[in-house]
Protein backbone atom coordinates (compact mmCIF):
# COMPACT_ATOMS: atom_id res chain seq x y z
CA MET A 1 -14.94 -12.97 -6.33
CA LEU A 2 -14.34 -9.31 -5.53
CA GLY A 3 -17.30 -9.21 -3.22
CA PRO A 4 -18.01 -7.14 -0.14
CA VAL A 5 -15.29 -8.85 1.91
CA PHE A 6 -12.65 -7.87 -0.66
CA LEU A 7 -13.86 -4.28 -0.74
CA LEU A 8 -14.02 -4.00 3.04
CA VAL A 9 -10.52 -5.41 3.54
CA ALA A 10 -9.07 -3.28 0.72
CA LEU A 11 -10.61 -0.09 2.15
CA VAL A 12 -9.42 -0.87 5.67
CA LEU A 13 -5.88 -1.59 4.47
CA TYR A 14 -5.89 1.60 2.39
CA VAL A 15 -6.93 3.70 5.38
CA ILE A 16 -4.28 2.03 7.56
CA LEU A 17 -1.63 2.68 4.91
CA VAL A 18 -2.60 6.35 4.61
CA VAL A 19 -2.54 6.82 8.40
CA VAL A 20 0.88 5.14 8.69
CA LEU A 21 2.33 7.21 5.85
CA LYS A 22 0.92 10.48 7.18
CA SER A 23 2.31 9.76 10.65
CA GLY A 24 5.84 9.56 9.23
CA VAL A 25 6.60 6.04 10.44
CA LEU A 26 7.94 4.90 7.08
CA ASP A 27 9.79 8.09 6.10
CA SER A 28 13.24 6.53 6.46
CA LEU A 29 12.19 3.56 4.33
CA ILE A 30 10.68 5.77 1.67
CA GLN A 31 13.66 8.14 1.64
CA GLY A 32 16.07 5.21 1.47
CA GLY A 33 18.73 7.04 3.46
CA ARG A 34 18.88 9.87 0.95
CA THR A 35 17.24 13.23 0.57
CA TRP A 36 15.38 13.40 -2.73
CA GLU A 37 14.72 16.57 -4.64
CA ARG A 38 11.00 17.04 -4.99
CA GLY A 39 9.91 16.22 -8.53
CA SER A 40 13.21 14.66 -9.60
CA THR A 41 13.18 11.60 -11.81
CA ALA A 42 14.62 9.37 -9.08
CA ALA A 43 11.96 10.49 -6.59
CA ARG A 44 9.19 9.86 -9.11
CA ILE A 45 10.49 6.38 -9.92
CA ARG A 46 10.76 5.55 -6.21
CA ALA A 47 7.23 6.84 -5.52
CA PHE A 48 5.87 4.88 -8.47
CA GLY A 49 7.58 1.71 -7.21
CA PHE A 50 6.14 2.13 -3.72
CA THR A 51 2.71 2.74 -5.24
CA ILE A 52 2.90 -0.53 -7.17
CA VAL A 53 4.05 -2.43 -4.06
CA ALA A 54 1.25 -0.88 -1.97
CA VAL A 55 -1.46 -1.73 -4.52
CA LEU A 56 -0.20 -5.30 -4.94
CA SER A 57 0.00 -5.89 -1.21
CA ILE A 58 -3.48 -4.46 -0.57
CA MET A 59 -5.05 -6.47 -3.39
CA GLY A 60 -3.18 -9.66 -2.50
CA THR A 61 -4.16 -9.47 1.15
CA ALA A 62 -7.77 -8.64 0.32
CA LEU A 63 -8.01 -11.52 -2.14
CA GLY A 64 -6.45 -13.89 0.38
CA VAL A 65 -8.84 -12.87 3.14
CA GLU A 66 -11.79 -13.17 0.79
CA ALA A 67 -10.69 -16.65 -0.28
CA ILE A 68 -10.36 -17.73 3.34
CA VAL A 69 -13.79 -16.30 4.23
CA GLU A 70 -15.46 -17.98 1.26
CA ALA A 71 -13.80 -21.32 2.05
CA ILE A 72 -15.18 -21.35 5.57
């Protein structure tokens, strides 16, 4: 558990997520149709929520791929 397959998949997904976010593809989703003041409480809560979702999705996918690879 948490072997090299997990680490490889997690790193690849992290890099993909960073590239997608930097390219501005998800800006409308992140903004939620509103313009947030930088540093406001609502913006911080939204950023924290997206961080939790991103970490859970990366870890879940990496664990799933590792389980599939180990089962084969």
